[in-house]
């Protein structure tokens, strides 16, 4: 009878898999064991799997210090019968036992999005993404009317972004190594570069829309800008959960949605969410400035601008006269009331 033993991680990913064709399999930290564990909490000779004459499988604890337990069971076991697929805790390790004839589910089809994420991890794709990201960043920095473009100012302004970029990629890579004992630094780098390129493109398109739109469109564009930021965050989380933890489609979509909801809720704690959703600002707090060739809409004629500006001043003057008249009427009424009270007092 053949057995397959798997050492699994915290996210049910397989860290090690071995096949045995012998009636007795010894497990422990010692080098003389059939399955050698690297956990210091496992004994030199921790446990043993035995197959009896009736082809039943038994797990025997060898009086270990930290014991052997079934999954989700705190009570240590001395000897128990094993069924295919059972999971046991040995030290800090989780051991799953399969019989060789164990039925396995069919293969999960590789979706186009997942294939695309794997393709992004290749060196040519990373080189292209890096070139596009650098070019897009440079174009965004160049499109400004304030002073002349300076390479030194551009590079110094990007230094902090680069540090945050490298720190984020390194942190995600380390987490994937800790949880899966495997990871691909280039894959995490490519995903962040891809999301960064998408963010820059969307930012440029929204800036272009703001630059060519009227006053009535500023609030709606700002709302789309905020929604696109949340979409990029969801996309990055979704991709990281696939690369770092190898979660299923449903699991990573659910976890990404929960994390995004928590992030949005935290950012809105000091806001009036209803005003953000239903009341658009009439003027942008961060006006967009682009070069002249990007002016896609026809600008307002000088005569129309002067007429509109004159209408604004006329409206202000009219409102001022109305307020002064209201104030004069209020003062007259107050004076008349005071006179009547004095007359009544003397009488």
C-alpha atoms as a PDB file:
ATOM      1  CA  UNK A   1       0.000   0.000   0.000  1.00  0.00           C
ATOM      2  CA  UNK A   2       1.364   3.417  -0.991  1.00  0.00           C
ATOM      3  CA  UNK A   3       1.082   6.626   1.020  1.00  0.00           C
ATOM      4  CA  UNK A   4       1.577  10.270   0.065  1.00  0.00           C
ATOM      5  CA  UNK A   5       2.584  12.641   2.875  1.00  0.00           C
ATOM      6  CA  UNK A   6       2.261  16.408   2.466  1.00  0.00           C
ATOM      7  CA  UNK A   7       3.632  19.150   4.707  1.00  0.00           C
ATOM      8  CA  UNK A   8       1.227  22.058   4.233  1.00  0.00           C
ATOM      9  CA  UNK A   9       1.498  25.732   5.126  1.00  0.00           C
ATOM     10  CA  UNK A  10      -0.887  28.124   6.831  1.00  0.00           C
ATOM     11  CA  UNK A  11      -2.781  28.818   3.597  1.00  0.00           C
ATOM     12  CA  UNK A  12      -3.079  25.088   2.749  1.00  0.00           C
ATOM     13  CA  UNK A  13      -0.292  25.376   0.197  1.00  0.00           C
ATOM     14  CA  UNK A  14       1.888  22.284  -0.119  1.00  0.00           C
ATOM     15  CA  UNK A  15       5.411  22.909   1.161  1.00  0.00           C
ATOM     16  CA  UNK A  16       6.638  19.350   0.648  1.00  0.00           C
ATOM     17  CA  UNK A  17       5.206  16.162  -0.835  1.00  0.00           C
ATOM     18  CA  UNK A  18       6.699  12.660  -0.657  1.00  0.00           C
ATOM     19  CA  UNK A  19       5.501   9.201  -1.677  1.00  0.00           C
ATOM     20  CA  UNK A  20       6.269   6.067   0.344  1.00  0.00           C
ATOM     21  CA  UNK A  21       5.888   2.387  -0.522  1.00  0.00           C
ATOM     22  CA  UNK A  22       6.678   0.840   2.855  1.00  0.00           C
ATOM     23  CA  UNK A  23       4.585  -0.424   5.802  1.00  0.00           C
ATOM     24  CA  UNK A  24       6.254   1.907   8.299  1.00  0.00           C
ATOM     25  CA  UNK A  25       7.103   5.617   7.859  1.00  0.00           C
ATOM     26  CA  UNK A  26       8.998   7.398  10.621  1.00  0.00           C
ATOM     27  CA  UNK A  27       8.559  11.159  11.048  1.00  0.00           C
ATOM     28  CA  UNK A  28      10.744  13.543  13.014  1.00  0.00           C
ATOM     29  CA  UNK A  29      13.639  15.982  13.072  1.00  0.00           C
ATOM     30  CA  UNK A  30      16.343  13.315  13.060  1.00  0.00           C
ATOM     31  CA  UNK A  31      18.181  12.513   9.853  1.00  0.00           C
ATOM     32  CA  UNK A  32      17.345   8.822  10.136  1.00  0.00           C
ATOM     33  CA  UNK A  33      13.620   9.430   9.602  1.00  0.00           C
ATOM     34  CA  UNK A  34      11.776   8.823   6.357  1.00  0.00           C
ATOM     35  CA  UNK A  35      10.143  12.262   6.519  1.00  0.00           C
ATOM     36  CA  UNK A  36      12.538  14.823   8.010  1.00  0.00           C
ATOM     37  CA  UNK A  37      10.996  17.938   9.574  1.00  0.00           C
ATOM     38  CA  UNK A  38      12.961  21.161  10.060  1.00  0.00           C
ATOM     39  CA  UNK A  39      10.787  22.406  12.944  1.00  0.00           C
ATOM     40  CA  UNK A  40      12.569  22.715  16.293  1.00  0.00           C
ATOM     41  CA  UNK A  41       9.309  21.869  18.056  1.00  0.00           C
ATOM     42  CA  UNK A  42       9.296  18.405  16.492  1.00  0.00           C
ATOM     43  CA  UNK A  43      11.122  15.603  18.316  1.00  0.00           C
ATOM     44  CA  UNK A  44      14.038  13.732  16.798  1.00  0.00           C
ATOM     45  CA  UNK A  45      11.673  10.772  16.521  1.00  0.00           C
ATOM     46  CA  UNK A  46       8.236  12.302  16.758  1.00  0.00           C
ATOM     47  CA  UNK A  47       5.673   9.965  15.179  1.00  0.00           C
ATOM     48  CA  UNK A  48       5.280   6.893  13.032  1.00  0.00           C
ATOM     49  CA  UNK A  49       2.756   5.776  10.424  1.00  0.00           C
ATOM     50  CA  UNK A  50       2.077   2.040  10.304  1.00  0.00           C
ATOM     51  CA  UNK A  51       0.118  -0.189   7.920  1.00  0.00           C
ATOM     52  CA  UNK A  52      -1.255  -3.386   9.461  1.00  0.00           C
ATOM     53  CA  UNK A  53      -2.106  -6.702   7.849  1.00  0.00           C
ATOM     54  CA  UNK A  54      -5.669  -5.583   7.127  1.00  0.00           C
ATOM     55  CA  UNK A  55      -4.260  -2.581   5.167  1.00  0.00           C
ATOM     56  CA  UNK A  56      -5.467  -0.151   7.783  1.00  0.00           C
ATOM     57  CA  UNK A  57      -3.264   2.886   8.423  1.00  0.00           C
ATOM     58  CA  UNK A  58      -2.374   4.017  11.946  1.00  0.00           C
ATOM     59  CA  UNK A  59      -0.536   7.074  13.281  1.00  0.00           C
ATOM     60  CA  UNK A  60       1.473   6.441  16.447  1.00  0.00           C
ATOM     61  CA  UNK A  61       2.941   9.243  18.571  1.00  0.00           C
ATOM     62  CA  UNK A  62       6.396   8.307  19.910  1.00  0.00           C
ATOM     63  CA  UNK A  63       6.005  10.055  23.294  1.00  0.00           C
ATOM     64  CA  UNK A  64       6.944  13.418  21.807  1.00  0.00           C
ATOM     65  CA  UNK A  65       7.312  16.580  23.907  1.00  0.00           C
ATOM     66  CA  UNK A  66       4.658  18.641  22.095  1.00  0.00           C
ATOM     67  CA  UNK A  67       2.442  15.735  21.082  1.00  0.00           C
ATOM     68  CA  UNK A  68       0.560  14.898  17.908  1.00  0.00           C
ATOM     69  CA  UNK A  69      -2.960  16.234  17.299  1.00  0.00           C
ATOM     70  CA  UNK A  70      -5.656  16.003  14.741  1.00  0.00           C
ATOM     71  CA  UNK A  71      -6.557  19.214  13.000  1.00  0.00           C
ATOM     72  CA  UNK A  72      -8.744  21.507  15.149  1.00  0.00           C
ATOM     73  CA  UNK A  73      -8.373  19.131  18.117  1.00  0.00           C
ATOM     74  CA  UNK A  74      -6.373  20.207  21.163  1.00  0.00           C
ATOM     75  CA  UNK A  75      -6.284  16.769  22.741  1.00  0.00           C
ATOM     76  CA  UNK A  76      -3.030  14.887  21.968  1.00  0.00           C
ATOM     77  CA  UNK A  77      -3.369  11.433  20.486  1.00  0.00           C
ATOM     78  CA  UNK A  78      -1.312   8.318  21.201  1.00  0.00           C
ATOM     79  CA  UNK A  79      -2.551   6.088  18.400  1.00  0.00           C
ATOM     80  CA  UNK A  80      -5.329   6.680  15.893  1.00  0.00           C
ATOM     81  CA  UNK A  81      -6.537   5.252  12.619  1.00  0.00           C
ATOM     82  CA  UNK A  82      -5.834   7.386   9.589  1.00  0.00           C
ATOM     83  CA  UNK A  83      -8.196   8.017   6.714  1.00  0.00           C
ATOM     84  CA  UNK A  84      -7.125   9.445   3.382  1.00  0.00           C
ATOM     85  CA  UNK A  85      -7.019  13.221   3.575  1.00  0.00           C
ATOM     86  CA  UNK A  86      -6.630  13.463   7.382  1.00  0.00           C
ATOM     87  CA  UNK A  87      -4.511  16.367   8.673  1.00  0.00           C
ATOM     88  CA  UNK A  88      -2.364  16.179  11.815  1.00  0.00           C
ATOM     89  CA  UNK A  89      -0.345  18.780  13.705  1.00  0.00           C
ATOM     90  CA  UNK A  90       3.219  17.822  14.570  1.00  0.00           C
ATOM     91  CA  UNK A  91       5.017  20.650  16.356  1.00  0.00           C
ATOM     92  CA  UNK A  92       4.265  23.639  14.177  1.00  0.00           C
ATOM     93  CA  UNK A  93       3.931  21.515  11.060  1.00  0.00           C
ATOM     94  CA  UNK A  94       0.700  20.306   9.544  1.00  0.00           C
ATOM     95  CA  UNK A  95       0.892  16.884   7.945  1.00  0.00           C
ATOM     96  CA  UNK A  96      -1.701  15.610   5.476  1.00  0.00           C
ATOM     97  CA  UNK A  97      -1.908  11.891   4.681  1.00  0.00           C
ATOM     98  CA  UNK A  98      -3.244  10.608   1.366  1.00  0.00           C
ATOM     99  CA  UNK A  99      -3.637   7.081   0.122  1.00  0.00           C
ATOM    100  CA  UNK A 100      -2.312   6.531  -3.392  1.00  0.00           C
ATOM    101  CA  UNK A 101      -5.845   5.805  -4.715  1.00  0.00           C
ATOM    102  CA  UNK A 102      -7.283   9.030  -3.269  1.00  0.00           C
ATOM    103  CA  UNK A 103      -9.703  10.735  -5.673  1.00  0.00           C
ATOM    104  CA  UNK A 104      -8.550  14.180  -6.770  1.00  0.00           C
ATOM    105  CA  UNK A 105     -10.714  16.973  -8.230  1.00  0.00           C
ATOM    106  CA  UNK A 106     -10.268  17.839 -11.904  1.00  0.00           C
ATOM    107  CA  UNK A 107      -7.696  20.436 -12.891  1.00  0.00           C
ATOM    108  CA  UNK A 108      -8.783  24.087 -12.587  1.00  0.00           C
ATOM    109  CA  UNK A 109      -8.654  25.838 -15.971  1.00  0.00           C
ATOM    110  CA  UNK A 110      -6.066  28.600 -16.132  1.00  0.00           C
ATOM    111  CA  UNK A 111      -8.010  31.798 -16.745  1.00  0.00           C
ATOM    112  CA  UNK A 112      -6.754  34.444 -19.179  1.00  0.00           C
ATOM    113  CA  UNK A 113      -6.230  36.936 -16.358  1.00  0.00           C
ATOM    114  CA  UNK A 114      -4.119  34.458 -14.404  1.00  0.00           C
ATOM    115  CA  UNK A 115      -2.110  33.609 -17.516  1.00  0.00           C
ATOM    116  CA  UNK A 116      -1.572  37.322 -18.059  1.00  0.00           C
ATOM    117  CA  UNK A 117      -0.283  37.765 -14.493  1.00  0.00           C
ATOM    118  CA  UNK A 118       2.192  34.937 -15.009  1.00  0.00           C
ATOM    119  CA  UNK A 119       3.286  36.444 -18.330  1.00  0.00           C
ATOM    120  CA  UNK A 120       3.919  39.796 -16.652  1.00  0.00           C
ATOM    121  CA  UNK A 121       6.618  38.165 -14.520  1.00  0.00           C
ATOM    122  CA  UNK A 122       8.887  37.641 -17.537  1.00  0.00           C
ATOM    123  CA  UNK A 123      11.890  39.900 -18.007  1.00  0.00           C
ATOM    124  CA  UNK A 124      10.824  41.386 -21.400  1.00  0.00           C
ATOM    125  CA  UNK A 125       7.404  42.320 -20.026  1.00  0.00           C
ATOM    126  CA  UNK A 126       8.976  43.967 -16.977  1.00  0.00           C
ATOM    127  CA  UNK A 127      11.370  45.947 -19.182  1.00  0.00           C
ATOM    128  CA  UNK A 128       8.468  47.227 -21.309  1.00  0.00           C
ATOM    129  CA  UNK A 129       6.378  48.103 -18.255  1.00  0.00           C
ATOM    130  CA  UNK A 130       9.271  49.952 -16.649  1.00  0.00           C
ATOM    131  CA  UNK A 131       9.895  51.962 -19.833  1.00  0.00           C
ATOM    132  CA  UNK A 132       6.191  52.867 -20.162  1.00  0.00           C
ATOM    133  CA  UNK A 133       5.942  53.783 -16.476  1.00  0.00           C
ATOM    134  CA  UNK A 134       9.027  56.018 -16.647  1.00  0.00           C
ATOM    135  CA  UNK A 135       7.779  57.697 -19.836  1.00  0.00           C
ATOM    136  CA  UNK A 136       4.302  58.288 -18.416  1.00  0.00           C
ATOM    137  CA  UNK A 137       5.757  59.755 -15.217  1.00  0.00           C
ATOM    138  CA  UNK A 138       8.019  62.022 -17.251  1.00  0.00           C
ATOM    139  CA  UNK A 139       5.136  63.235 -19.461  1.00  0.00           C
ATOM    140  CA  UNK A 140       2.987  64.027 -16.415  1.00  0.00           C
ATOM    141  CA  UNK A 141       5.842  65.997 -14.851  1.00  0.00           C
ATOM    142  CA  UNK A 142       6.567  67.861 -18.088  1.00  0.00           C
ATOM    143  CA  UNK A 143       2.974  68.995 -18.652  1.00  0.00           C
ATOM    144  CA  UNK A 144       3.005  71.946 -16.244  1.00  0.00           C
ATOM    145  CA  UNK A 145       3.032  75.698 -16.886  1.00  0.00           C
ATOM    146  CA  UNK A 146       4.936  76.592 -13.717  1.00  0.00           C
ATOM    147  CA  UNK A 147       8.582  77.268 -14.649  1.00  0.00           C
ATOM    148  CA  UNK A 148      10.899  75.198 -16.786  1.00  0.00           C
ATOM    149  CA  UNK A 149      11.340  71.458 -16.546  1.00  0.00           C
ATOM    150  CA  UNK A 150      14.361  70.419 -14.473  1.00  0.00           C
ATOM    151  CA  UNK A 151      15.836  66.929 -14.399  1.00  0.00           C
ATOM    152  CA  UNK A 152      17.209  67.415 -10.897  1.00  0.00           C
ATOM    153  CA  UNK A 153      13.820  68.455  -9.518  1.00  0.00           C
ATOM    154  CA  UNK A 154      12.135  65.604 -11.366  1.00  0.00           C
ATOM    155  CA  UNK A 155      14.522  62.949 -10.031  1.00  0.00           C
ATOM    156  CA  UNK A 156      14.446  64.295  -6.472  1.00  0.00           C
ATOM    157  CA  UNK A 157      10.652  64.363  -6.564  1.00  0.00           C
ATOM    158  CA  UNK A 158      10.525  60.728  -7.655  1.00  0.00           C
ATOM    159  CA  UNK A 159      12.982  59.482  -5.002  1.00  0.00           C
ATOM    160  CA  UNK A 160      10.317  58.982  -2.323  1.00  0.00           C
ATOM    161  CA  UNK A 161       7.996  57.231  -4.785  1.00  0.00           C
ATOM    162  CA  UNK A 162      10.775  54.827  -5.720  1.00  0.00           C
ATOM    163  CA  UNK A 163      11.464  54.026  -2.057  1.00  0.00           C
ATOM    164  CA  UNK A 164       7.761  53.353  -1.412  1.00  0.00           C
ATOM    165  CA  UNK A 165       7.596  51.277  -4.598  1.00  0.00           C
ATOM    166  CA  UNK A 166      10.572  49.094  -3.654  1.00  0.00           C
ATOM    167  CA  UNK A 167       9.404  48.758  -0.035  1.00  0.00           C
ATOM    168  CA  UNK A 168       5.932  47.605  -1.079  1.00  0.00           C
ATOM    169  CA  UNK A 169       7.247  45.029  -3.552  1.00  0.00           C
ATOM    170  CA  UNK A 170       9.807  43.728  -1.055  1.00  0.00           C
ATOM    171  CA  UNK A 171       7.234  43.444   1.731  1.00  0.00           C
ATOM    172  CA  UNK A 172       4.768  41.495  -0.411  1.00  0.00           C
ATOM    173  CA  UNK A 173       7.554  39.208  -1.617  1.00  0.00           C
ATOM    174  CA  UNK A 174       8.700  38.476   1.942  1.00  0.00           C
ATOM    175  CA  UNK A 175       5.128  37.718   3.006  1.00  0.00           C
ATOM    176  CA  UNK A 176       4.737  35.265   0.138  1.00  0.00           C
ATOM    177  CA  UNK A 177       7.991  33.549   1.123  1.00  0.00           C
ATOM    178  CA  UNK A 178       6.937  33.314   4.770  1.00  0.00           C
ATOM    179  CA  UNK A 179       3.495  31.887   4.010  1.00  0.00           C
ATOM    180  CA  UNK A 180       4.320  29.713   1.001  1.00  0.00           C
ATOM    181  CA  UNK A 181       8.064  29.259   1.356  1.00  0.00           C
ATOM    182  CA  UNK A 182       8.236  30.323  -2.261  1.00  0.00           C
ATOM    183  CA  UNK A 183       7.853  33.536  -4.199  1.00  0.00           C
ATOM    184  CA  UNK A 184       8.749  35.368  -7.387  1.00  0.00           C
ATOM    185  CA  UNK A 185      10.065  38.880  -6.846  1.00  0.00           C
ATOM    186  CA  UNK A 186       9.794  39.743 -10.543  1.00  0.00           C
ATOM    187  CA  UNK A 187       6.108  38.775 -10.630  1.00  0.00           C
ATOM    188  CA  UNK A 188       5.288  41.111  -7.734  1.00  0.00           C
ATOM    189  CA  UNK A 189       7.367  43.853  -9.334  1.00  0.00           C
ATOM    190  CA  UNK A 190       5.593  43.475 -12.665  1.00  0.00           C
ATOM    191  CA  UNK A 191       2.130  43.585 -11.085  1.00  0.00           C
ATOM    192  CA  UNK A 192       2.885  46.818  -9.254  1.00  0.00           C
ATOM    193  CA  UNK A 193       4.395  48.314 -12.421  1.00  0.00           C
ATOM    194  CA  UNK A 194       1.312  47.317 -14.419  1.00  0.00           C
ATOM    195  CA  UNK A 195      -1.072  48.844 -11.871  1.00  0.00           C
ATOM    196  CA  UNK A 196       1.114  51.968 -11.762  1.00  0.00           C
ATOM    197  CA  UNK A 197       0.974  52.312 -15.553  1.00  0.00           C
ATOM    198  CA  UNK A 198      -2.829  51.942 -15.515  1.00  0.00           C
ATOM    199  CA  UNK A 199      -3.084  54.551 -12.758  1.00  0.00           C
ATOM    200  CA  UNK A 200      -0.943  57.027 -14.689  1.00  0.00           C
ATOM    201  CA  UNK A 201      -2.961  56.507 -17.864  1.00  0.00           C
ATOM    202  CA  UNK A 202      -6.267  56.976 -16.036  1.00  0.00           C
ATOM    203  CA  UNK A 203      -4.896  60.018 -14.227  1.00  0.00           C
ATOM    204  CA  UNK A 204      -3.824  61.578 -17.521  1.00  0.00           C
ATOM    205  CA  UNK A 205      -7.206  60.885 -19.144  1.00  0.00           C
ATOM    206  CA  UNK A 206      -9.059  62.402 -16.189  1.00  0.00           C
ATOM    207  CA  UNK A 207      -6.756  65.427 -16.216  1.00  0.00           C
ATOM    208  CA  UNK A 208      -7.440  65.785 -19.922  1.00  0.00           C
ATOM    209  CA  UNK A 209     -11.188  65.623 -19.264  1.00  0.00           C
ATOM    210  CA  UNK A 210     -10.891  68.201 -16.488  1.00  0.00           C
ATOM    211  CA  UNK A 211      -8.789  70.446 -18.712  1.00  0.00           C
ATOM    212  CA  UNK A 212     -11.375  70.373 -21.500  1.00  0.00           C
ATOM    213  CA  UNK A 213     -14.534  70.157 -19.386  1.00  0.00           C
ATOM    214  CA  UNK A 214     -16.698  72.929 -18.039  1.00  0.00           C
ATOM    215  CA  UNK A 215     -17.444  73.961 -14.474  1.00  0.00           C
ATOM    216  CA  UNK A 216     -20.363  71.541 -14.265  1.00  0.00           C
ATOM    217  CA  UNK A 217     -18.138  68.513 -14.950  1.00  0.00           C
ATOM    218  CA  UNK A 218     -15.549  69.014 -12.189  1.00  0.00           C
ATOM    219  CA  UNK A 219     -17.475  67.194  -9.473  1.00  0.00           C
ATOM    220  CA  UNK A 220     -18.275  64.230 -11.665  1.00  0.00           C
ATOM    221  CA  UNK A 221     -14.636  63.928 -12.798  1.00  0.00           C
ATOM    222  CA  UNK A 222     -13.456  64.047  -9.189  1.00  0.00           C
ATOM    223  CA  UNK A 223     -15.872  61.252  -8.323  1.00  0.00           C
ATOM    224  CA  UNK A 224     -14.555  59.116 -11.201  1.00  0.00           C
ATOM    225  CA  UNK A 225     -11.001  59.899 -10.064  1.00  0.00           C
ATOM    226  CA  UNK A 226     -11.737  58.584  -6.565  1.00  0.00           C
ATOM    227  CA  UNK A 227     -13.520  55.498  -7.935  1.00  0.00           C
ATOM    228  CA  UNK A 228     -10.621  54.703 -10.283  1.00  0.00           C
ATOM    229  CA  UNK A 229      -8.210  54.848  -7.339  1.00  0.00           C
ATOM    230  CA  UNK A 230     -10.279  52.300  -5.445  1.00  0.00           C
ATOM    231  CA  UNK A 231     -10.474  50.129  -8.566  1.00  0.00           C
ATOM    232  CA  UNK A 232      -6.669  50.139  -8.898  1.00  0.00           C
ATOM    233  CA  UNK A 233      -6.354  49.178  -5.226  1.00  0.00           C
ATOM    234  CA  UNK A 234      -8.765  46.264  -5.713  1.00  0.00           C
ATOM    235  CA  UNK A 235      -6.892  45.113  -8.814  1.00  0.00           C
ATOM    236  CA  UNK A 236      -3.560  45.145  -6.997  1.00  0.00           C
ATOM    237  CA  UNK A 237      -4.908  43.282  -3.957  1.00  0.00           C
ATOM    238  CA  UNK A 238      -6.584  40.709  -6.184  1.00  0.00           C
ATOM    239  CA  UNK A 239      -3.350  40.071  -8.085  1.00  0.00           C
ATOM    240  CA  UNK A 240      -1.208  39.873  -4.941  1.00  0.00           C
ATOM    241  CA  UNK A 241      -3.529  37.352  -3.317  1.00  0.00           C
ATOM    242  CA  UNK A 242      -3.139  35.124  -6.363  1.00  0.00           C
ATOM    243  CA  UNK A 243       0.650  35.435  -6.591  1.00  0.00           C
ATOM    244  CA  UNK A 244       1.506  35.431  -2.882  1.00  0.00           C
ATOM    245  CA  UNK A 245      -1.107  33.052  -1.461  1.00  0.00           C
ATOM    246  CA  UNK A 246      -2.474  31.197  -4.501  1.00  0.00           C
ATOM    247  CA  UNK A 247      -6.046  31.711  -3.318  1.00  0.00           C
ATOM    248  CA  UNK A 248      -8.972  30.603  -5.441  1.00  0.00           C
ATOM    249  CA  UNK A 249     -10.869  33.075  -7.596  1.00  0.00           C
ATOM    250  CA  UNK A 250     -13.773  33.324  -5.158  1.00  0.00           C
ATOM    251  CA  UNK A 251     -11.534  33.593  -2.094  1.00  0.00           C
ATOM    252  CA  UNK A 252      -9.257  36.326  -3.443  1.00  0.00           C
ATOM    253  CA  UNK A 253     -12.206  38.308  -4.822  1.00  0.00           C
ATOM    254  CA  UNK A 254     -13.961  38.144  -1.440  1.00  0.00           C
ATOM    255  CA  UNK A 255     -10.834  39.043   0.552  1.00  0.00           C
ATOM    256  CA  UNK A 256      -9.965  41.898  -1.821  1.00  0.00           C
ATOM    257  CA  UNK A 257     -13.493  43.276  -1.547  1.00  0.00           C
ATOM    258  CA  UNK A 258     -13.439  43.128   2.259  1.00  0.00           C
ATOM    259  CA  UNK A 259     -10.028  44.836   2.485  1.00  0.00           C
ATOM    260  CA  UNK A 260     -11.123  47.520   0.040  1.00  0.00           C
ATOM    261  CA  UNK A 261     -14.368  48.114   1.956  1.00  0.00           C
ATOM    262  CA  UNK A 262     -12.424  48.523   5.199  1.00  0.00           C
ATOM    263  CA  UNK A 263     -10.010  50.949   3.529  1.00  0.00           C
ATOM    264  CA  UNK A 264     -12.820  53.048   2.040  1.00  0.00           C
ATOM    265  CA  UNK A 265     -14.744  53.066   5.328  1.00  0.00           C
ATOM    266  CA  UNK A 266     -11.656  54.214   7.237  1.00  0.00           C
ATOM    267  CA  UNK A 267     -10.940  56.999   4.744  1.00  0.00           C
ATOM    268  CA  UNK A 268     -14.537  58.223   4.970  1.00  0.00           C
ATOM    269  CA  UNK A 269     -14.684  58.409   8.767  1.00  0.00           C
ATOM    270  CA  UNK A 270     -14.013  62.146   8.718  1.00  0.00           C
ATOM    271  CA  UNK A 271     -16.155  62.835   5.660  1.00  0.00           C
ATOM    272  CA  UNK A 272     -19.802  63.368   4.924  1.00  0.00           C
ATOM    273  CA  UNK A 273     -20.255  60.465   2.543  1.00  0.00           C
ATOM    274  CA  UNK A 274     -23.641  61.657   1.334  1.00  0.00           C
ATOM    275  CA  UNK A 275     -22.254  64.993   0.234  1.00  0.00           C
ATOM    276  CA  UNK A 276     -19.447  63.229  -1.629  1.00  0.00           C
ATOM    277  CA  UNK A 277     -21.939  61.038  -3.459  1.00  0.00           C
ATOM    278  CA  UNK A 278     -24.760  63.452  -4.252  1.00  0.00           C
ATOM    279  CA  UNK A 279     -23.324  67.001  -4.206  1.00  0.00           C
ATOM    280  CA  UNK A 280     -20.625  67.775  -6.734  1.00  0.00           C
ATOM    281  CA  UNK A 281     -18.238  70.676  -6.313  1.00  0.00           C
ATOM    282  CA  UNK A 282     -18.565  73.411  -8.891  1.00  0.00           C
ATOM    283  CA  UNK A 283     -14.855  74.202  -9.060  1.00  0.00           C
ATOM    284  CA  UNK A 284     -11.860  71.853  -8.789  1.00  0.00           C
ATOM    285  CA  UNK A 285      -9.609  72.131  -5.770  1.00  0.00           C
ATOM    286  CA  UNK A 286      -6.677  70.977  -7.920  1.00  0.00           C
ATOM    287  CA  UNK A 287      -7.015  72.595 -11.366  1.00  0.00           C
ATOM    288  CA  UNK A 288      -5.431  70.755 -14.268  1.00  0.00           C
ATOM    289  CA  UNK A 289      -2.843  72.393 -16.464  1.00  0.00           C
ATOM    290  CA  UNK A 290      -1.751  70.796 -19.717  1.00  0.00           C
ATOM    291  CA  UNK A 291      -0.006  71.967 -22.850  1.00  0.00           C
ATOM    292  CA  UNK A 292      -1.926  73.804 -25.564  1.00  0.00           C
ATOM    293  CA  UNK A 293      -2.200  70.978 -28.119  1.00  0.00           C
ATOM    294  CA  UNK A 294      -4.248  68.984 -25.605  1.00  0.00           C
ATOM    295  CA  UNK A 295      -7.002  71.619 -25.626  1.00  0.00           C
ATOM    296  CA  UNK A 296      -9.621  69.517 -27.422  1.00  0.00           C
ATOM    297  CA  UNK A 297     -12.626  71.756 -26.781  1.00  0.00           C
ATOM    298  CA  UNK A 298     -13.018  75.211 -28.251  1.00  0.00           C
ATOM    299  CA  UNK A 299     -11.984  77.834 -25.691  1.00  0.00           C
ATOM    300  CA  UNK A 300     -14.314  80.666 -24.708  1.00  0.00           C
ATOM    301  CA  UNK A 301     -14.037  83.714 -26.918  1.00  0.00           C
ATOM    302  CA  UNK A 302     -12.607  86.871 -25.224  1.00  0.00           C
ATOM    303  CA  UNK A 303     -15.832  88.804 -25.821  1.00  0.00           C
ATOM    304  CA  UNK A 304     -17.906  86.040 -24.210  1.00  0.00           C
ATOM    305  CA  UNK A 305     -15.494  85.857 -21.298  1.00  0.00           C
ATOM    306  CA  UNK A 306     -15.685  89.648 -20.754  1.00  0.00           C
ATOM    307  CA  UNK A 307     -19.471  89.511 -20.961  1.00  0.00           C
ATOM    308  CA  UNK A 308     -19.634  86.656 -18.473  1.00  0.00           C
ATOM    309  CA  UNK A 309     -17.217  88.401 -16.150  1.00  0.00           C
ATOM    310  CA  UNK A 310     -19.270  91.592 -16.408  1.00  0.00           C
ATOM    311  CA  UNK A 311     -22.427  89.648 -15.535  1.00  0.00           C
ATOM    312  CA  UNK A 312     -20.703  88.330 -12.421  1.00  0.00           C
ATOM    313  CA  UNK A 313     -19.762  91.839 -11.241  1.00  0.00           C
ATOM    314  CA  UNK A 314     -23.256  93.130 -12.045  1.00  0.00           C
ATOM    315  CA  UNK A 315     -24.762  90.309 -10.023  1.00  0.00           C
ATOM    316  CA  UNK A 316     -22.441  91.130  -7.108  1.00  0.00           C
ATOM    317  CA  UNK A 317     -23.371  94.838  -7.254  1.00  0.00           C
ATOM    318  CA  UNK A 318     -27.088  94.000  -7.358  1.00  0.00           C
ATOM    319  CA  UNK A 319     -26.762  91.668  -4.404  1.00  0.00           C
ATOM    320  CA  UNK A 320     -24.764  94.301  -2.496  1.00  0.00           C
ATOM    321  CA  UNK A 321     -27.449  96.954  -3.080  1.00  0.00           C
ATOM    322  CA  UNK A 322     -30.154  94.554  -1.922  1.00  0.00           C
ATOM    323  CA  UNK A 323     -28.254  93.749   1.282  1.00  0.00           C
ATOM    324  CA  UNK A 324     -27.634  97.452   1.989  1.00  0.00           C
ATOM    325  CA  UNK A 325     -31.322  98.227   1.454  1.00  0.00           C
ATOM    326  CA  UNK A 326     -32.310  95.386   3.794  1.00  0.00           C
ATOM    327  CA  UNK A 327     -29.856  96.646   6.399  1.00  0.00           C
ATOM    328  CA  UNK A 328     -31.162 100.251   6.109  1.00  0.00           C
ATOM    329  CA  UNK A 329     -34.744  99.034   6.456  1.00  0.00           C
ATOM    330  CA  UNK A 330     -33.815  96.988   9.508  1.00  0.00           C
ATOM    331  CA  UNK A 331     -32.089  99.989  11.129  1.00  0.00           C
ATOM    332  CA  UNK A 332     -35.104 102.251  10.399  1.00  0.00           C
ATOM    333  CA  UNK A 333     -37.482  99.722  11.932  1.00  0.00           C
ATOM    334  CA  UNK A 334     -35.256  99.356  15.004  1.00  0.00           C
ATOM    335  CA  UNK A 335     -35.048 103.139  15.460  1.00  0.00           C
ATOM    336  CA  UNK A 336     -38.837 103.521  15.156  1.00  0.00           C
ATOM    337  CA  UNK A 337     -39.403 100.800  17.732  1.00  0.00           C
ATOM    338  CA  UNK A 338     -37.009 102.487  20.181  1.00  0.00           C
ATOM    339  CA  UNK A 339     -38.808 105.842  19.744  1.00  0.00           C
ATOM    340  CA  UNK A 340     -42.218 104.313  20.441  1.00  0.00           C
ATOM    341  CA  UNK A 341     -40.908 102.683  23.641  1.00  0.00           C
ATOM    342  CA  UNK A 342     -39.459 106.017  24.882  1.00  0.00           C
ATOM    343  CA  UNK A 343     -42.742 107.803  24.185  1.00  0.00           C
ATOM    344  CA  UNK A 344     -44.719 105.183  26.096  1.00  0.00           C
ATOM    345  CA  UNK A 345     -42.324 105.437  29.041  1.00  0.00           C
ATOM    346  CA  UNK A 346     -42.664 109.273  29.270  1.00  0.00           C
ATOM    347  CA  UNK A 347     -46.410 109.048  29.010  1.00  0.00           C
END
